[in-house]
PDB file of all heavy atoms in Angstrom:
ATOM      1  N   THR A   1       0.850  -1.184   0.000  1.00  0.00           N
ATOM      2  CA  THR A   1       0.000   0.000   0.000  1.00  0.00           C
ATOM      3  C   THR A   1       0.885   1.232   0.000  1.00  0.00           C
ATOM      4  O   THR A   1       1.790   1.351   0.825  1.00  0.00           O
ATOM      5  CB  THR A   1      -0.914   0.023   1.239  1.00  0.00           C
ATOM      6  OG1 THR A   1      -1.670  -1.174   1.263  1.00  0.00           O
ATOM      7  CG2 THR A   1      -1.833   1.227   1.227  1.00  0.00           C
ATOM      8  N   ILE A   2       0.629   2.128  -0.902  1.00  0.00           N
ATOM      9  CA  ILE A   2       1.392   3.376  -0.967  1.00  0.00           C
ATOM     10  C   ILE A   2       0.538   4.484  -0.369  1.00  0.00           C
ATOM     11  O   ILE A   2      -0.588   4.705  -0.799  1.00  0.00           O
ATOM     12  CB  ILE A   2       1.780   3.717  -2.407  1.00  0.00           C
ATOM     13  CG1 ILE A   2       2.671   2.601  -2.974  1.00  0.00           C
ATOM     14  CG2 ILE A   2       2.465   5.078  -2.476  1.00  0.00           C
ATOM     15  CD1 ILE A   2       3.012   2.766  -4.424  1.00  0.00           C
ATOM     16  N   VAL A   3       1.098   5.160   0.627  1.00  0.00           N
ATOM     17  CA  VAL A   3       0.409   6.266   1.290  1.00  0.00           C
ATOM     18  C   VAL A   3       1.036   7.564   0.825  1.00  0.00           C
ATOM     19  O   VAL A   3       2.244   7.763   0.942  1.00  0.00           O
ATOM     20  CB  VAL A   3       0.497   6.139   2.822  1.00  0.00           C
ATOM     21  CG1 VAL A   3      -0.178   7.307   3.495  1.00  0.00           C
ATOM     22  CG2 VAL A   3      -0.083   4.815   3.282  1.00  0.00           C
ATOM     23  N   THR A   4       0.225   8.444   0.298  1.00  0.00           N
ATOM     24  CA  THR A   4       0.712   9.744  -0.163  1.00  0.00           C
ATOM     25  C   THR A   4       0.586  10.749   0.974  1.00  0.00           C
ATOM     26  O   THR A   4      -0.494  10.901   1.545  1.00  0.00           O
ATOM     27  CB  THR A   4      -0.115  10.233  -1.367  1.00  0.00           C
ATOM     28  OG1 THR A   4      -0.098   9.213  -2.370  1.00  0.00           O
ATOM     29  CG2 THR A   4       0.455  11.517  -1.926  1.00  0.00           C
ATOM     30  N   PRO A   5       1.681  11.430   1.324  1.00  0.00           N
ATOM     31  CA  PRO A   5       1.605  12.420   2.405  1.00  0.00           C
ATOM     32  C   PRO A   5       0.744  13.609   1.988  1.00  0.00           C
ATOM     33  O   PRO A   5       0.635  13.909   0.797  1.00  0.00           O
ATOM     34  CB  PRO A   5       3.048  12.839   2.634  1.00  0.00           C
ATOM     35  CG  PRO A   5       3.749  12.500   1.371  1.00  0.00           C
ATOM     36  CD  PRO A   5       3.012  11.337   0.748  1.00  0.00           C
ATOM     37  N   PRO A   6       0.130  14.278   2.947  1.00  0.00           N
ATOM     38  CA  PRO A   6      -0.675  15.450   2.611  1.00  0.00           C
ATOM     39  C   PRO A   6       0.209  16.550   2.020  1.00  0.00           C
ATOM     40  O   PRO A   6       1.405  16.638   2.298  1.00  0.00           O
ATOM     41  CB  PRO A   6      -1.269  15.889   3.945  1.00  0.00           C
ATOM     42  CG  PRO A   6      -0.402  15.267   4.981  1.00  0.00           C
ATOM     43  CD  PRO A   6       0.176  14.029   4.375  1.00  0.00           C
ATOM     44  N   ALA A   7      -0.400  17.399   1.193  1.00  0.00           N
ATOM     45  CA  ALA A   7       0.345  18.474   0.543  1.00  0.00           C
ATOM     46  C   ALA A   7       0.842  19.503   1.551  1.00  0.00           C
ATOM     47  O   ALA A   7       1.879  20.106   1.389  1.00  0.00           O
ATOM     48  CB  ALA A   7      -0.541  19.160  -0.503  1.00  0.00           C
ATOM     49  N   LYS A   8       0.077  19.714   2.618  1.00  0.00           N
ATOM     50  CA  LYS A   8       0.449  20.710   3.615  1.00  0.00           C
ATOM     51  C   LYS A   8       0.258  20.101   5.000  1.00  0.00           C
ATOM     52  O   LYS A   8      -0.724  19.422   5.256  1.00  0.00           O
ATOM     53  CB  LYS A   8      -0.441  21.940   3.483  1.00  0.00           C
ATOM     54  CG  LYS A   8      -0.001  23.097   4.352  1.00  0.00           C
ATOM     55  CD  LYS A   8      -1.004  24.224   4.436  1.00  0.00           C
ATOM     56  CE  LYS A   8      -1.288  24.911   3.157  1.00  0.00           C
ATOM     57  NZ  LYS A   8      -2.113  26.114   3.318  1.00  0.00           N
ATOM     58  N   LEU A   9       1.190  20.353   5.876  1.00  0.00           N
ATOM     59  CA  LEU A   9       1.111  19.853   7.240  1.00  0.00           C
ATOM     60  C   LEU A   9       1.193  21.032   8.195  1.00  0.00           C
ATOM     61  O   LEU A   9       2.055  21.898   8.043  1.00  0.00           O
ATOM     62  CB  LEU A   9       2.274  18.894   7.495  1.00  0.00           C
ATOM     63  CG  LEU A   9       2.211  18.001   8.701  1.00  0.00           C
ATOM     64  CD1 LEU A   9       0.978  17.110   8.656  1.00  0.00           C
ATOM     65  CD2 LEU A   9       3.449  17.134   8.767  1.00  0.00           C
ATOM     66  N   ILE A  10       0.299  21.092   9.149  1.00  0.00           N
ATOM     67  CA  ILE A  10       0.281  22.183  10.120  1.00  0.00           C
ATOM     68  C   ILE A  10       0.470  21.597  11.507  1.00  0.00           C
ATOM     69  O   ILE A  10      -0.157  20.606  11.866  1.00  0.00           O
ATOM     70  CB  ILE A  10      -1.056  22.949  10.063  1.00  0.00           C
ATOM     71  CG1 ILE A  10      -1.226  23.591   8.683  1.00  0.00           C
ATOM     72  CG2 ILE A  10      -1.131  24.000  11.155  1.00  0.00           C
ATOM     73  CD1 ILE A  10      -2.563  24.234   8.457  1.00  0.00           C
ATOM     74  N   GLY A  11       1.337  22.225  12.286  1.00  0.00           N
ATOM     75  CA  GLY A  11       1.576  21.789  13.656  1.00  0.00           C
ATOM     76  C   GLY A  11       1.225  22.895  14.635  1.00  0.00           C
ATOM     77  O   GLY A  11       1.384  24.078  14.342  1.00  0.00           O
ATOM     78  N   LEU A  12       0.732  22.510  15.782  1.00  0.00           N
ATOM     79  CA  LEU A  12       0.397  23.472  16.826  1.00  0.00           C
ATOM     80  C   LEU A  12       1.014  22.985  18.125  1.00  0.00           C
ATOM     81  O   LEU A  12       0.815  21.845  18.528  1.00  0.00           O
ATOM     82  CB  LEU A  12      -1.125  23.593  16.983  1.00  0.00           C
ATOM     83  CG  LEU A  12      -1.609  24.447  18.147  1.00  0.00           C
ATOM     84  CD1 LEU A  12      -1.207  25.901  17.943  1.00  0.00           C
ATOM     85  CD2 LEU A  12      -3.113  24.336  18.292  1.00  0.00           C
ATOM     86  N   VAL A  13       1.764  23.872  18.769  1.00  0.00           N
ATOM     87  CA  VAL A  13       2.385  23.550  20.044  1.00  0.00           C
ATOM     88  C   VAL A  13       1.890  24.546  21.074  1.00  0.00           C
ATOM     89  O   VAL A  13       1.970  25.758  20.870  1.00  0.00           O
ATOM     90  CB  VAL A  13       3.932  23.617  19.940  1.00  0.00           C
ATOM     91  CG1 VAL A  13       4.569  23.335  21.279  1.00  0.00           C
ATOM     92  CG2 VAL A  13       4.439  22.661  18.877  1.00  0.00           C
ATOM     93  N   ASP A  14       1.358  24.046  22.154  1.00  0.00           N
ATOM     94  CA  ASP A  14       0.892  24.905  23.242  1.00  0.00           C
ATOM     95  C   ASP A  14       1.803  24.662  24.435  1.00  0.00           C
ATOM     96  O   ASP A  14       1.776  23.594  25.035  1.00  0.00           O
ATOM     97  CB  ASP A  14      -0.558  24.568  23.585  1.00  0.00           C
ATOM     98  CG  ASP A  14      -1.134  25.497  24.640  1.00  0.00           C
ATOM     99  OD1 ASP A  14      -0.487  26.498  24.983  1.00  0.00           O
ATOM    100  OD2 ASP A  14      -2.237  25.218  25.124  1.00  0.00           O
ATOM    101  N   CYS A  15       2.633  25.635  24.742  1.00  0.00           N
ATOM    102  CA  CYS A  15       3.610  25.495  25.821  1.00  0.00           C
ATOM    103  C   CYS A  15       3.107  26.200  27.074  1.00  0.00           C
ATOM    104  O   CYS A  15       2.682  27.353  27.010  1.00  0.00           O
ATOM    105  CB  CYS A  15       4.943  26.094  25.403  1.00  0.00           C
ATOM    106  SG  CYS A  15       5.651  25.285  23.966  1.00  0.00           S
ATOM    107  N   ASN A  16       3.171  25.519  28.180  1.00  0.00           N
ATOM    108  CA  ASN A  16       2.762  26.088  29.458  1.00  0.00           C
ATOM    109  C   ASN A  16       3.821  27.089  29.931  1.00  0.00           C
ATOM    110  O   ASN A  16       5.004  26.777  29.931  1.00  0.00           O
ATOM    111  CB  ASN A  16       2.595  24.956  30.481  1.00  0.00           C
ATOM    112  CG  ASN A  16       1.952  25.418  31.747  1.00  0.00           C
ATOM    113  OD1 ASN A  16       1.189  26.380  31.754  1.00  0.00           O
ATOM    114  ND2 ASN A  16       2.242  24.733  32.827  1.00  0.00           N
ATOM    115  N   ASN A  17       3.381  28.282  30.291  1.00  0.00           N
ATOM    116  CA  ASN A  17       4.289  29.318  30.826  1.00  0.00           C
ATOM    117  C   ASN A  17       5.424  29.637  29.852  1.00  0.00           C
ATOM    118  O   ASN A  17       6.559  29.865  30.276  1.00  0.00           O
ATOM    119  CB  ASN A  17       4.917  28.877  32.156  1.00  0.00           C
ATOM    120  CG  ASN A  17       3.937  28.340  33.143  1.00  0.00           C
ATOM    121  OD1 ASN A  17       2.767  28.672  33.126  1.00  0.00           O
ATOM    122  ND2 ASN A  17       4.399  27.482  34.023  1.00  0.00           N
ATOM    123  N   PHE A  18       5.147  29.683  28.569  1.00  0.00           N
ATOM    124  CA  PHE A  18       6.208  29.741  27.563  1.00  0.00           C
ATOM    125  C   PHE A  18       7.237  30.839  27.821  1.00  0.00           C
ATOM    126  O   PHE A  18       8.434  30.571  27.909  1.00  0.00           O
ATOM    127  CB  PHE A  18       5.617  29.902  26.158  1.00  0.00           C
ATOM    128  CG  PHE A  18       6.670  29.981  25.098  1.00  0.00           C
ATOM    129  CD1 PHE A  18       7.357  28.846  24.705  1.00  0.00           C
ATOM    130  CD2 PHE A  18       7.003  31.191  24.509  1.00  0.00           C
ATOM    131  CE1 PHE A  18       8.341  28.906  23.731  1.00  0.00           C
ATOM    132  CE2 PHE A  18       7.986  31.259  23.532  1.00  0.00           C
ATOM    133  CZ  PHE A  18       8.657  30.119  23.138  1.00  0.00           C
ATOM    134  N   TYR A  19       6.799  32.079  27.933  1.00  0.00           N
ATOM    135  CA  TYR A  19       7.763  33.174  28.086  1.00  0.00           C
ATOM    136  C   TYR A  19       8.480  33.108  29.438  1.00  0.00           C
ATOM    137  O   TYR A  19       9.654  33.462  29.540  1.00  0.00           O
ATOM    138  CB  TYR A  19       7.099  34.533  27.879  1.00  0.00           C
ATOM    139  CG  TYR A  19       6.796  34.795  26.428  1.00  0.00           C
ATOM    140  CD1 TYR A  19       5.502  34.756  25.949  1.00  0.00           C
ATOM    141  CD2 TYR A  19       7.824  35.055  25.526  1.00  0.00           C
ATOM    142  CE1 TYR A  19       5.228  34.970  24.609  1.00  0.00           C
ATOM    143  CE2 TYR A  19       7.566  35.272  24.189  1.00  0.00           C
ATOM    144  CZ  TYR A  19       6.259  35.223  23.734  1.00  0.00           C
ATOM    145  OH  TYR A  19       6.002  35.426  22.415  1.00  0.00           O
ATOM    146  N   VAL A  20       7.797  32.633  30.450  1.00  0.00           N
ATOM    147  CA  VAL A  20       8.456  32.455  31.748  1.00  0.00           C
ATOM    148  C   VAL A  20       9.531  31.378  31.622  1.00  0.00           C
ATOM    149  O   VAL A  20      10.656  31.545  32.099  1.00  0.00           O
ATOM    150  CB  VAL A  20       7.430  32.091  32.844  1.00  0.00           C
ATOM    151  CG1 VAL A  20       8.143  31.666  34.121  1.00  0.00           C
ATOM    152  CG2 VAL A  20       6.503  33.258  33.113  1.00  0.00           C
ATOM    153  N   SER A  21       9.202  30.286  30.960  1.00  0.00           N
ATOM    154  CA  SER A  21      10.176  29.209  30.774  1.00  0.00           C
ATOM    155  C   SER A  21      11.388  29.695  29.999  1.00  0.00           C
ATOM    156  O   SER A  21      12.527  29.324  30.313  1.00  0.00           O
ATOM    157  CB  SER A  21       9.529  28.031  30.047  1.00  0.00           C
ATOM    158  OG  SER A  21       8.481  27.491  30.820  1.00  0.00           O
ATOM    159  N   CYS A  22      11.159  30.534  28.980  1.00  0.00           N
ATOM    160  CA  CYS A  22      12.283  31.087  28.212  1.00  0.00           C
ATOM    161  C   CYS A  22      13.166  31.971  29.084  1.00  0.00           C
ATOM    162  O   CYS A  22      14.398  31.895  29.010  1.00  0.00           O
ATOM    163  CB  CYS A  22      11.763  31.882  27.019  1.00  0.00           C
ATOM    164  SG  CYS A  22      11.020  30.866  25.741  1.00  0.00           S
ATOM    165  N   GLU A  23      12.552  32.811  29.904  1.00  0.00           N
ATOM    166  CA  GLU A  23      13.347  33.666  30.805  1.00  0.00           C
ATOM    167  C   GLU A  23      14.179  32.813  31.750  1.00  0.00           C
ATOM    168  O   GLU A  23      15.333  33.133  32.040  1.00  0.00           O
ATOM    169  CB  GLU A  23      12.438  34.601  31.602  1.00  0.00           C
ATOM    170  CG  GLU A  23      11.774  35.683  30.786  1.00  0.00           C
ATOM    171  CD  GLU A  23      12.743  36.687  30.170  1.00  0.00           C
ATOM    172  OE1 GLU A  23      13.893  36.792  30.633  1.00  0.00           O
ATOM    173  OE2 GLU A  23      12.334  37.366  29.217  1.00  0.00           O
ATOM    174  N   ARG A  24      13.611  31.711  32.211  1.00  0.00           N
ATOM    175  CA  ARG A  24      14.335  30.841  33.146  1.00  0.00           C
ATOM    176  C   ARG A  24      15.491  30.109  32.483  1.00  0.00           C
ATOM    177  O   ARG A  24      16.443  29.721  33.165  1.00  0.00           O
ATOM    178  CB  ARG A  24      13.364  29.858  33.794  1.00  0.00           C
ATOM    179  CG  ARG A  24      12.482  30.537  34.821  1.00  0.00           C
ATOM    180  CD  ARG A  24      11.481  29.583  35.412  1.00  0.00           C
ATOM    181  NE  ARG A  24      10.825  30.173  36.581  1.00  0.00           N
ATOM    182  CZ  ARG A  24       9.794  29.620  37.202  1.00  0.00           C
ATOM    183  NH1 ARG A  24       9.300  28.468  36.773  1.00  0.00           N
ATOM    184  NH2 ARG A  24       9.264  30.221  38.243  1.00  0.00           N
ATOM    185  N   VAL A  25      15.432  29.907  31.179  1.00  0.00           N
ATOM    186  CA  VAL A  25      16.565  29.300  30.477  1.00  0.00           C
ATOM    187  C   VAL A  25      17.779  30.216  30.592  1.00  0.00           C
ATOM    188  O   VAL A  25      18.897  29.761  30.846  1.00  0.00           O
ATOM    189  CB  VAL A  25      16.222  29.039  28.985  1.00  0.00           C
ATOM    190  CG1 VAL A  25      17.475  28.737  28.175  1.00  0.00           C
ATOM    191  CG2 VAL A  25      15.214  27.913  28.864  1.00  0.00           C
ATOM    192  N   PHE A  26      17.554  31.510  30.415  1.00  0.00           N
ATOM    193  CA  PHE A  26      18.648  32.481  30.473  1.00  0.00           C
ATOM    194  C   PHE A  26      18.978  32.917  31.892  1.00  0.00           C
ATOM    195  O   PHE A  26      20.061  33.446  32.141  1.00  0.00           O
ATOM    196  CB  PHE A  26      18.308  33.702  29.614  1.00  0.00           C
ATOM    197  CG  PHE A  26      18.116  33.357  28.167  1.00  0.00           C
ATOM    198  CD1 PHE A  26      16.859  33.359  27.603  1.00  0.00           C
ATOM    199  CD2 PHE A  26      19.195  32.999  27.380  1.00  0.00           C
ATOM    200  CE1 PHE A  26      16.676  33.027  26.270  1.00  0.00           C
ATOM    201  CE2 PHE A  26      19.032  32.659  26.041  1.00  0.00           C
ATOM    202  CZ  PHE A  26      17.767  32.671  25.491  1.00  0.00           C
ATOM    203  N   ARG A  27      18.030  32.722  32.817  1.00  0.00           N
ATOM    204  CA  ARG A  27      18.223  33.120  34.222  1.00  0.00           C
ATOM    205  C   ARG A  27      17.791  31.971  35.128  1.00  0.00           C
ATOM    206  O   ARG A  27      16.712  31.986  35.705  1.00  0.00           O
ATOM    207  CB  ARG A  27      17.382  34.354  34.546  1.00  0.00           C
ATOM    208  CG  ARG A  27      17.721  35.638  33.826  1.00  0.00           C
ATOM    209  CD  ARG A  27      18.668  36.528  34.620  1.00  0.00           C
ATOM    210  NE  ARG A  27      18.400  36.598  36.043  1.00  0.00           N
ATOM    211  CZ  ARG A  27      17.595  37.493  36.639  1.00  0.00           C
ATOM    212  NH1 ARG A  27      16.969  38.397  35.926  1.00  0.00           N
ATOM    213  NH2 ARG A  27      17.432  37.478  37.951  1.00  0.00           N
ATOM    214  N   PRO A  28      18.613  30.943  35.269  1.00  0.00           N
ATOM    215  CA  PRO A  28      18.240  29.795  36.097  1.00  0.00           C
ATOM    216  C   PRO A  28      17.964  30.157  37.558  1.00  0.00           C
ATOM    217  O   PRO A  28      17.286  29.412  38.264  1.00  0.00           O
ATOM    218  CB  PRO A  28      19.447  28.859  35.997  1.00  0.00           C
ATOM    219  CG  PRO A  28      20.249  29.332  34.845  1.00  0.00           C
ATOM    220  CD  PRO A  28      19.900  30.771  34.612  1.00  0.00           C
ATOM    221  N   ASP A  29      18.445  31.314  37.997  1.00  0.00           N
ATOM    222  CA  ASP A  29      18.189  31.734  39.375  1.00  0.00           C
ATOM    223  C   ASP A  29      16.704  32.030  39.605  1.00  0.00           C
ATOM    224  O   ASP A  29      16.262  32.138  40.752  1.00  0.00           O
ATOM    225  CB  ASP A  29      19.019  32.974  39.730  1.00  0.00           C
ATOM    226  CG  ASP A  29      18.733  34.164  38.827  1.00  0.00           C
ATOM    227  OD1 ASP A  29      18.939  34.035  37.597  1.00  0.00           O
ATOM    228  OD2 ASP A  29      18.315  35.210  39.342  1.00  0.00           O
ATOM    229  N   LEU A  30      15.921  32.121  38.531  1.00  0.00           N
ATOM    230  CA  LEU A  30      14.484  32.381  38.655  1.00  0.00           C
ATOM    231  C   LEU A  30      13.664  31.111  38.888  1.00  0.00           C
ATOM    232  O   LEU A  30      12.475  31.194  39.193  1.00  0.00           O
ATOM    233  CB  LEU A  30      13.966  33.076  37.389  1.00  0.00           C
ATOM    234  CG  LEU A  30      14.560  34.439  37.091  1.00  0.00           C
ATOM    235  CD1 LEU A  30      14.090  34.931  35.725  1.00  0.00           C
ATOM    236  CD2 LEU A  30      14.174  35.434  38.175  1.00  0.00           C
ATOM    237  N   ILE A  31      14.283  29.958  38.749  1.00  0.00           N
ATOM    238  CA  ILE A  31      13.565  28.700  38.936  1.00  0.00           C
ATOM    239  C   ILE A  31      13.060  28.621  40.372  1.00  0.00           C
ATOM    240  O   ILE A  31      13.801  28.852  41.324  1.00  0.00           O
ATOM    241  CB  ILE A  31      14.468  27.498  38.598  1.00  0.00           C
ATOM    242  CG1 ILE A  31      14.821  27.534  37.111  1.00  0.00           C
ATOM    243  CG2 ILE A  31      13.799  26.178  38.975  1.00  0.00           C
ATOM    244  CD1 ILE A  31      15.864  26.527  36.683  1.00  0.00           C
ATOM    245  N   GLY A  32      11.762  28.332  40.501  1.00  0.00           N
ATOM    246  CA  GLY A  32      11.142  28.216  41.818  1.00  0.00           C
ATOM    247  C   GLY A  32      10.659  29.531  42.398  1.00  0.00           C
ATOM    248  O   GLY A  32      10.066  29.559  43.465  1.00  0.00           O
ATOM    249  N   LYS A  33      10.922  30.628  41.697  1.00  0.00           N
ATOM    250  CA  LYS A  33      10.482  31.948  42.156  1.00  0.00           C
ATOM    251  C   LYS A  33       9.289  32.409  41.325  1.00  0.00           C
ATOM    252  O   LYS A  33       9.142  32.006  40.171  1.00  0.00           O
ATOM    253  CB  LYS A  33      11.619  32.966  42.031  1.00  0.00           C
ATOM    254  CG  LYS A  33      12.792  32.649  42.926  1.00  0.00           C
ATOM    255  CD  LYS A  33      13.889  33.661  42.778  1.00  0.00           C
ATOM    256  CE  LYS A  33      15.061  33.285  43.686  1.00  0.00           C
ATOM    257  NZ  LYS A  33      16.214  34.131  43.458  1.00  0.00           N
ATOM    258  N   PRO A  34       8.446  33.276  41.886  1.00  0.00           N
ATOM    259  CA  PRO A  34       7.313  33.782  41.106  1.00  0.00           C
ATOM    260  C   PRO A  34       7.777  34.744  40.013  1.00  0.00           C
ATOM    261  O   PRO A  34       8.483  35.705  40.290  1.00  0.00           O
ATOM    262  CB  PRO A  34       6.445  34.492  42.149  1.00  0.00           C
ATOM    263  CG  PRO A  34       7.370  34.823  43.272  1.00  0.00           C
ATOM    264  CD  PRO A  34       8.449  33.779  43.260  1.00  0.00           C
ATOM    265  N   VAL A  35       7.391  34.439  38.777  1.00  0.00           N
ATOM    266  CA  VAL A  35       7.813  35.224  37.620  1.00  0.00           C
ATOM    267  C   VAL A  35       6.594  35.490  36.749  1.00  0.00           C
ATOM    268  O   VAL A  35       5.783  34.603  36.514  1.00  0.00           O
ATOM    269  CB  VAL A  35       8.882  34.473  36.795  1.00  0.00           C
ATOM    270  CG1 VAL A  35       9.286  35.273  35.556  1.00  0.00           C
ATOM    271  CG2 VAL A  35      10.099  34.149  37.642  1.00  0.00           C
ATOM    272  N   ALA A  36       6.491  36.716  36.244  1.00  0.00           N
ATOM    273  CA  ALA A  36       5.443  37.070  35.293  1.00  0.00           C
ATOM    274  C   ALA A  36       6.060  37.857  34.154  1.00  0.00           C
ATOM    275  O   ALA A  36       7.024  38.597  34.344  1.00  0.00           O
ATOM    276  CB  ALA A  36       4.348  37.892  35.969  1.00  0.00           C
ATOM    277  N   VAL A  37       5.493  37.671  32.971  1.00  0.00           N
ATOM    278  CA  VAL A  37       5.945  38.401  31.791  1.00  0.00           C
ATOM    279  C   VAL A  37       4.800  39.295  31.344  1.00  0.00           C
ATOM    280  O   VAL A  37       3.641  38.882  31.336  1.00  0.00           O
ATOM    281  CB  VAL A  37       6.380  37.434  30.668  1.00  0.00           C
ATOM    282  CG1 VAL A  37       6.786  38.205  29.423  1.00  0.00           C
ATOM    283  CG2 VAL A  37       7.535  36.561  31.147  1.00  0.00           C
ATOM    284  N   LEU A  38       5.160  40.522  30.990  1.00  0.00           N
ATOM    285  CA  LEU A  38       4.173  41.543  30.647  1.00  0.00           C
ATOM    286  C   LEU A  38       4.038  41.718  29.139  1.00  0.00           C
ATOM    287  O   LEU A  38       4.943  41.398  28.375  1.00  0.00           O
ATOM    288  CB  LEU A  38       4.574  42.869  31.291  1.00  0.00           C
ATOM    289  CG  LEU A  38       4.738  42.814  32.811  1.00  0.00           C
ATOM    290  CD1 LEU A  38       5.348  44.109  33.317  1.00  0.00           C
ATOM    291  CD2 LEU A  38       3.412  42.547  33.481  1.00  0.00           C
ATOM    292  N   SER A  39       2.912  42.276  28.728  1.00  0.00           N
ATOM    293  CA  SER A  39       2.625  42.531  27.320  1.00  0.00           C
ATOM    294  C   SER A  39       3.581  43.572  26.745  1.00  0.00           C
ATOM    295  O   SER A  39       4.385  44.159  27.466  1.00  0.00           O
ATOM    296  CB  SER A  39       1.179  42.994  27.165  1.00  0.00           C
ATOM    297  OG  SER A  39       0.969  44.190  27.906  1.00  0.00           O
TER     298      SER A  39
END
C-alpha cells in the first residue's frame, strides 16, 4: 500500500508558561520563584 503524504502539514504547540520558561533558560536563578511576563 502506498500512502501519499498530505500536501500541507500544520503543527500546533501549546507550551505552558512559555515566556516564563524562556526567561528561566537564560536566568536559572528564577527557577522556583514567582515570575510574570508583561505585554
